[in-house]
N, C-alpha and C. Protein backbone atom coordinates (compact mmCIF):
# COMPACT_ATOMS: atom_id res chain seq x y z
N MET A 1 243.47 63.09 -7.78
CA MET A 1 244.64 63.56 -8.09
C MET A 1 245.89 63.33 -7.19
N CYS A 2 247.00 63.55 -7.33
CA CYS A 2 247.96 63.06 -6.40
C CYS A 2 249.02 63.98 -6.13
N LYS A 3 249.48 64.11 -4.96
CA LYS A 3 250.38 65.09 -4.21
C LYS A 3 251.89 64.25 -3.85
N ILE A 4 252.96 65.05 -4.55
CA ILE A 4 254.24 64.20 -4.00
C ILE A 4 255.16 65.35 -3.27
N LEU A 5 255.88 64.73 -2.39
CA LEU A 5 256.95 65.79 -1.56
C LEU A 5 258.15 65.48 -2.24
N MET A 6 258.78 66.65 -2.39
CA MET A 6 260.31 66.28 -3.23
C MET A 6 261.22 67.14 -2.24
N PRO A 7 262.24 66.68 -1.77
CA PRO A 7 263.62 67.27 -0.99
C PRO A 7 264.43 68.06 -2.11
N ILE A 8 264.45 69.52 -2.08
CA ILE A 8 265.18 70.08 -3.00
C ILE A 8 266.25 71.11 -2.17
N ASN A 9 267.41 71.29 -2.75
CA ASN A 9 268.60 72.00 -2.24
C ASN A 9 267.89 73.45 -2.04
N PRO A 10 268.11 74.09 -0.78
CA PRO A 10 267.56 75.33 -0.48
C PRO A 10 267.99 76.26 -1.89
N GLU A 11 269.26 76.21 -2.53
CA GLU A 11 269.76 77.22 -3.63
C GLU A 11 268.40 76.94 -4.52
N TYR A 12 267.99 75.92 -4.80
CA TYR A 12 267.08 75.77 -6.23
C TYR A 12 265.59 76.15 -5.50
N VAL A 13 265.42 75.76 -4.24
CA VAL A 13 263.94 76.20 -3.85
C VAL A 13 263.85 77.88 -3.70
N ASP A 14 264.95 78.53 -3.68
CA ASP A 14 264.92 79.98 -3.79
C ASP A 14 264.62 80.49 -5.31
N GLU A 15 265.24 79.60 -6.21
CA GLU A 15 265.09 80.02 -7.41
C GLU A 15 263.68 79.53 -7.93
N ILE A 16 262.89 78.46 -7.38
CA ILE A 16 261.60 78.23 -7.55
C ILE A 16 260.66 79.23 -7.05
N LEU A 17 260.85 79.68 -5.79
CA LEU A 17 260.12 80.78 -5.06
C LEU A 17 260.28 81.95 -5.83
N SER A 18 261.22 82.39 -6.44
CA SER A 18 261.27 83.82 -6.98
C SER A 18 260.87 83.74 -8.58
N GLY A 19 260.49 82.49 -9.01
CA GLY A 19 259.99 82.36 -10.16
C GLY A 19 261.17 82.05 -11.37
N ASN A 20 262.39 82.02 -11.01
CA ASN A 20 263.43 81.81 -12.02
C ASN A 20 263.58 80.36 -12.45
N LYS A 21 263.13 79.25 -11.54
CA LYS A 21 263.24 78.02 -11.93
C LYS A 21 261.62 77.38 -11.90
N LYS A 22 261.34 77.07 -13.18
CA LYS A 22 259.84 76.42 -13.40
C LYS A 22 259.96 75.17 -13.76
N TYR A 23 261.01 74.54 -13.80
CA TYR A 23 261.12 73.20 -13.96
C TYR A 23 262.05 72.29 -12.73
N GLU A 24 261.52 71.34 -12.25
CA GLU A 24 262.23 70.63 -11.34
C GLU A 24 262.72 69.37 -12.03
N TYR A 25 264.14 68.92 -12.17
CA TYR A 25 264.76 67.74 -12.99
C TYR A 25 264.74 66.88 -11.97
N ARG A 26 264.58 65.43 -12.57
CA ARG A 26 264.66 64.09 -11.87
C ARG A 26 265.31 63.18 -12.77
N LYS A 27 265.81 62.29 -12.10
CA LYS A 27 266.29 61.07 -13.07
C LYS A 27 265.18 59.98 -13.09
N ILE A 28 264.55 59.99 -12.17
CA ILE A 28 263.50 59.00 -11.95
C ILE A 28 262.03 59.49 -12.07
N LYS A 29 261.29 59.00 -13.03
CA LYS A 29 259.80 59.60 -13.13
C LYS A 29 258.73 58.70 -12.16
N ALA A 30 258.04 59.68 -11.56
CA ALA A 30 256.97 58.90 -10.68
C ALA A 30 256.07 58.03 -11.72
N LYS A 31 255.64 57.02 -11.09
CA LYS A 31 255.01 56.05 -11.63
C LYS A 31 253.41 56.27 -11.92
N ARG A 32 253.05 57.19 -10.90
CA ARG A 32 251.47 57.56 -11.10
C ARG A 32 251.23 58.93 -12.04
N LYS A 33 250.32 58.87 -12.94
CA LYS A 33 249.94 59.68 -14.10
C LYS A 33 249.37 60.94 -13.65
N ASN A 34 248.83 61.19 -12.29
CA ASN A 34 247.91 62.18 -12.14
C ASN A 34 248.68 63.21 -10.98
N ILE A 35 249.73 63.32 -11.08
CA ILE A 35 250.53 64.07 -10.12
C ILE A 35 249.92 65.61 -10.47
N ASP A 36 249.52 66.46 -9.51
CA ASP A 36 249.00 67.73 -9.76
C ASP A 36 249.77 68.79 -8.64
N LYS A 37 250.19 68.16 -7.50
CA LYS A 37 250.56 69.18 -6.56
C LYS A 37 252.19 68.45 -6.06
N MET A 38 253.25 69.41 -5.73
CA MET A 38 254.56 69.30 -5.38
C MET A 38 254.73 70.01 -4.10
N VAL A 39 254.80 69.18 -2.90
CA VAL A 39 255.27 69.80 -1.62
C VAL A 39 256.74 69.98 -1.68
N ILE A 40 257.30 71.18 -1.32
CA ILE A 40 258.70 71.36 -1.62
C ILE A 40 259.06 71.49 -0.04
N TYR A 41 260.29 70.35 0.12
CA TYR A 41 260.94 70.22 1.42
C TYR A 41 262.21 70.88 1.08
N SER A 42 262.77 71.77 1.67
CA SER A 42 264.28 72.24 1.70
C SER A 42 265.13 71.79 2.42
N THR A 43 266.04 71.28 1.87
CA THR A 43 267.12 70.30 2.64
C THR A 43 267.86 71.02 3.56
N SER A 44 268.83 70.39 4.16
CA SER A 44 269.91 70.97 5.08
C SER A 44 270.49 72.30 4.45
N PRO A 45 270.47 73.62 5.15
CA PRO A 45 270.31 73.63 6.66
C PRO A 45 269.05 73.98 6.72
N ILE A 46 268.13 74.16 5.94
CA ILE A 46 266.81 74.70 6.45
C ILE A 46 265.91 73.65 6.98
N MET A 47 265.79 72.52 6.24
CA MET A 47 265.22 71.25 6.80
C MET A 47 263.62 71.69 7.20
N ARG A 48 263.00 71.97 6.15
CA ARG A 48 261.69 72.60 6.57
C ARG A 48 260.98 72.21 5.23
N VAL A 49 259.56 71.96 5.30
CA VAL A 49 258.52 71.90 4.20
C VAL A 49 257.96 73.26 4.06
N VAL A 50 258.40 73.91 3.07
CA VAL A 50 258.13 75.43 2.79
C VAL A 50 257.07 75.88 1.76
N ALA A 51 256.67 75.12 0.98
CA ALA A 51 255.69 75.53 0.14
C ALA A 51 255.19 74.23 -0.71
N GLU A 52 254.04 74.73 -1.57
CA GLU A 52 253.57 73.64 -2.49
C GLU A 52 253.43 74.34 -3.69
N VAL A 53 253.61 73.52 -4.83
CA VAL A 53 253.32 74.26 -6.17
C VAL A 53 252.65 73.39 -7.20
N ASP A 54 251.71 74.00 -8.09
CA ASP A 54 251.14 73.00 -8.86
C ASP A 54 251.93 72.30 -9.87
N VAL A 55 251.77 71.21 -10.40
CA VAL A 55 252.48 70.54 -11.35
C VAL A 55 251.74 70.66 -12.76
N GLU A 56 252.09 71.43 -13.46
CA GLU A 56 251.36 71.53 -14.77
C GLU A 56 251.70 70.38 -15.92
N GLY A 57 252.61 69.68 -15.73
CA GLY A 57 252.84 68.75 -16.55
C GLY A 57 254.15 67.90 -16.02
N ILE A 58 254.42 66.89 -16.77
CA ILE A 58 255.81 66.08 -16.72
C ILE A 58 256.16 65.90 -18.02
N ILE A 59 257.59 66.19 -18.47
CA ILE A 59 258.20 66.11 -19.35
C ILE A 59 259.11 65.22 -19.55
N GLU A 60 259.29 64.08 -20.51
CA GLU A 60 260.45 63.18 -20.68
C GLU A 60 260.84 63.24 -22.02
N ALA A 61 262.07 63.34 -22.04
CA ALA A 61 262.72 63.47 -23.34
C ALA A 61 264.42 62.91 -23.03
N SER A 62 265.15 62.87 -24.02
CA SER A 62 266.55 62.83 -23.81
C SER A 62 267.17 64.13 -23.14
N PRO A 63 268.32 64.12 -22.57
CA PRO A 63 268.64 65.33 -21.57
C PRO A 63 269.03 66.37 -22.68
N GLU A 64 269.22 65.95 -24.02
CA GLU A 64 269.55 67.28 -24.81
C GLU A 64 268.08 68.09 -25.18
N LYS A 65 267.24 67.09 -25.50
CA LYS A 65 266.05 67.81 -26.00
C LYS A 65 265.38 68.49 -24.90
N LEU A 66 265.58 67.82 -23.70
CA LEU A 66 264.74 68.41 -22.60
C LEU A 66 265.37 69.57 -21.92
N TRP A 67 266.57 69.77 -22.05
CA TRP A 67 267.37 70.86 -21.77
C TRP A 67 266.85 72.09 -22.87
N GLU A 68 266.86 71.72 -24.29
CA GLU A 68 266.29 72.99 -25.15
C GLU A 68 264.92 73.40 -24.92
N GLN A 69 264.00 72.58 -24.47
CA GLN A 69 262.86 72.86 -23.95
C GLN A 69 262.56 73.70 -22.82
N THR A 70 263.62 73.47 -21.78
CA THR A 70 263.51 74.06 -20.40
C THR A 70 264.33 75.02 -20.22
N LYS A 71 265.51 75.22 -20.95
CA LYS A 71 266.77 75.98 -20.33
C LYS A 71 266.28 77.41 -19.90
N GLU A 72 265.42 77.96 -20.59
CA GLU A 72 264.94 79.48 -20.23
C GLU A 72 264.63 79.58 -18.84
N TYR A 73 263.95 78.63 -18.05
CA TYR A 73 263.48 78.83 -16.74
C TYR A 73 264.04 77.51 -15.97
N SER A 74 265.25 76.95 -16.23
CA SER A 74 265.85 75.70 -15.61
C SER A 74 266.10 76.10 -14.10
N GLY A 75 266.48 77.52 -13.99
CA GLY A 75 267.19 77.82 -12.62
C GLY A 75 268.50 77.27 -12.13
N ILE A 76 269.03 76.57 -13.38
CA ILE A 76 270.43 75.82 -13.14
C ILE A 76 271.16 76.03 -14.22
N THR A 77 272.64 75.85 -14.19
CA THR A 77 273.45 76.18 -15.36
C THR A 77 273.35 74.72 -16.05
N LYS A 78 274.05 75.03 -17.45
CA LYS A 78 274.10 74.02 -18.36
C LYS A 78 275.12 72.94 -18.00
N ASP A 79 276.05 73.41 -17.34
CA ASP A 79 277.17 72.66 -16.76
C ASP A 79 276.42 71.67 -15.63
N PHE A 80 275.82 72.19 -14.60
CA PHE A 80 275.14 71.53 -13.45
C PHE A 80 274.33 70.34 -14.09
N TYR A 81 273.61 70.82 -15.19
CA TYR A 81 272.45 69.96 -15.78
C TYR A 81 273.39 68.76 -16.64
N SER A 82 274.18 68.98 -17.34
CA SER A 82 275.22 67.96 -18.03
C SER A 82 275.65 67.05 -17.19
N LYS A 83 276.14 67.45 -15.97
CA LYS A 83 276.70 66.43 -15.06
C LYS A 83 275.55 65.77 -14.39
N TYR A 84 274.46 66.04 -13.96
CA TYR A 84 273.30 65.47 -13.38
C TYR A 84 272.94 64.40 -14.37
N TYR A 85 273.00 64.68 -15.47
CA TYR A 85 272.27 63.70 -16.43
C TYR A 85 273.64 62.78 -17.44
N LYS A 86 274.70 63.03 -16.89
CA LYS A 86 275.84 62.25 -17.47
C LYS A 86 275.50 60.86 -17.59
N ASN A 87 275.64 60.31 -18.92
CA ASN A 87 275.53 58.91 -19.39
C ASN A 87 273.95 58.54 -18.94
N LYS A 88 272.96 59.39 -19.00
CA LYS A 88 271.60 58.84 -18.97
C LYS A 88 271.06 59.28 -20.30
N GLU A 89 270.05 58.37 -20.76
CA GLU A 89 269.38 58.40 -22.02
C GLU A 89 268.10 59.08 -21.64
N ASN A 90 267.35 59.30 -20.50
CA ASN A 90 266.40 59.70 -20.14
C ASN A 90 266.58 60.85 -19.17
N ALA A 91 265.57 61.94 -19.45
CA ALA A 91 265.49 63.10 -18.26
C ALA A 91 264.30 63.27 -18.29
N ILE A 92 263.92 63.66 -17.07
CA ILE A 92 262.44 64.03 -16.57
C ILE A 92 262.59 65.51 -15.81
N ALA A 93 261.38 66.39 -16.13
CA ALA A 93 261.18 67.72 -15.83
C ALA A 93 259.94 67.77 -15.34
N TYR A 94 259.49 68.34 -14.25
CA TYR A 94 258.36 68.48 -13.60
C TYR A 94 258.12 69.85 -14.05
N LYS A 95 256.95 70.23 -14.72
CA LYS A 95 256.62 71.74 -15.04
C LYS A 95 255.87 72.58 -14.13
N LEU A 96 256.47 73.46 -13.22
CA LEU A 96 255.81 73.92 -12.03
C LEU A 96 254.91 75.42 -12.50
N GLY A 97 254.00 75.44 -11.60
CA GLY A 97 252.92 76.58 -11.81
C GLY A 97 253.00 77.35 -10.94
N ASN A 98 251.47 77.65 -10.29
CA ASN A 98 251.25 78.55 -9.12
C ASN A 98 252.06 77.93 -7.84
N ILE A 99 252.51 78.85 -7.08
CA ILE A 99 253.21 78.48 -5.88
C ILE A 99 252.40 79.10 -4.51
N LYS A 100 252.42 78.20 -3.59
CA LYS A 100 251.91 78.65 -2.37
C LYS A 100 252.93 78.50 -1.22
N VAL A 101 253.47 79.67 -0.74
CA VAL A 101 254.45 79.30 0.03
C VAL A 101 253.72 79.44 1.60
N TYR A 102 254.11 78.63 2.56
CA TYR A 102 253.64 78.38 3.66
C TYR A 102 254.01 79.65 4.46
N ASP A 103 253.13 79.98 5.42
CA ASP A 103 253.40 81.04 6.36
C ASP A 103 254.40 80.65 7.39
N LYS A 104 254.23 79.31 7.84
CA LYS A 104 255.02 78.87 8.79
C LYS A 104 255.54 77.42 8.32
N PRO A 105 256.85 77.33 7.82
CA PRO A 105 257.47 76.25 7.54
C PRO A 105 257.32 74.95 8.39
N LYS A 106 256.98 73.96 7.74
CA LYS A 106 256.87 72.75 8.70
C LYS A 106 257.88 71.72 8.72
N LYS A 107 257.97 71.13 9.81
CA LYS A 107 258.93 69.74 9.94
C LYS A 107 258.42 68.75 9.11
N LEU A 108 259.08 67.68 8.69
CA LEU A 108 258.44 66.56 8.13
C LEU A 108 257.68 65.88 8.96
N CYS A 109 258.02 65.77 10.39
CA CYS A 109 257.21 64.92 11.37
C CYS A 109 255.84 65.65 11.47
N ASP A 110 255.81 67.06 11.27
CA ASP A 110 254.65 67.49 11.33
C ASP A 110 253.47 67.15 10.32
N ILE A 111 254.02 66.47 9.16
CA ILE A 111 253.08 66.06 8.14
C ILE A 111 253.10 64.44 8.23
N GLY A 112 253.76 63.83 9.37
CA GLY A 112 253.56 62.27 9.27
C GLY A 112 254.65 61.59 8.77
N ILE A 113 256.03 62.48 8.25
CA ILE A 113 257.04 61.88 7.71
C ILE A 113 258.19 61.85 8.80
N ASN A 114 258.89 60.43 8.74
CA ASN A 114 259.79 60.34 9.90
C ASN A 114 261.16 60.25 9.34
N TYR A 115 261.28 60.66 7.73
CA TYR A 115 262.59 60.34 7.27
C TYR A 115 262.88 61.48 6.10
N VAL A 116 263.91 61.54 5.63
CA VAL A 116 264.05 62.50 4.38
C VAL A 116 264.10 61.45 3.06
N PRO A 117 262.95 61.74 2.44
CA PRO A 117 262.99 60.95 1.05
C PRO A 117 264.09 61.28 0.17
N GLN A 118 264.88 60.43 -0.57
CA GLN A 118 265.95 60.38 -1.41
C GLN A 118 265.40 61.26 -2.61
N SER A 119 264.46 60.95 -3.39
CA SER A 119 263.91 61.57 -4.52
C SER A 119 262.74 62.29 -4.45
N PHE A 120 261.65 61.50 -4.18
CA PHE A 120 260.14 61.90 -3.59
C PHE A 120 259.57 60.84 -3.16
N ILE A 121 258.32 61.27 -2.44
CA ILE A 121 257.50 60.32 -2.02
C ILE A 121 255.97 60.74 -2.24
N TYR A 122 255.06 60.03 -2.31
CA TYR A 122 253.67 60.34 -2.60
C TYR A 122 253.18 60.62 -1.27
N LEU A 123 252.13 61.51 -1.30
CA LEU A 123 251.47 62.02 0.20
C LEU A 123 250.16 61.75 0.04
N ASP A 124 249.63 61.23 -1.00
CA ASP A 124 248.22 60.64 -0.96
C ASP A 124 248.08 59.60 -2.06
């Protein structure tokens, strides 16, 4: 199986941890097919790895179809979503499952990473 690390804005990290956001949207799909865990890096000002979550699946569809499938637990506004996918034909959503919040958040360097990835990186 495969684990990825994703940088996510603290506002949306809070939505994930509260259970309001069960989908993480991206413009680019990971090439590996067996992704089962997502490690969450909360970006500035937090700048810590705060949790990991089970990935229950990856949905790929047009932005309109994806929104219809995921809007109830999107954790974002339709306006934000529409701007994010403006002029895109394809949209990706990682369906999030069980969450494990770390007792002590970690720096990226604590897990062997020396930079903040733009979209995601594979951890194994």
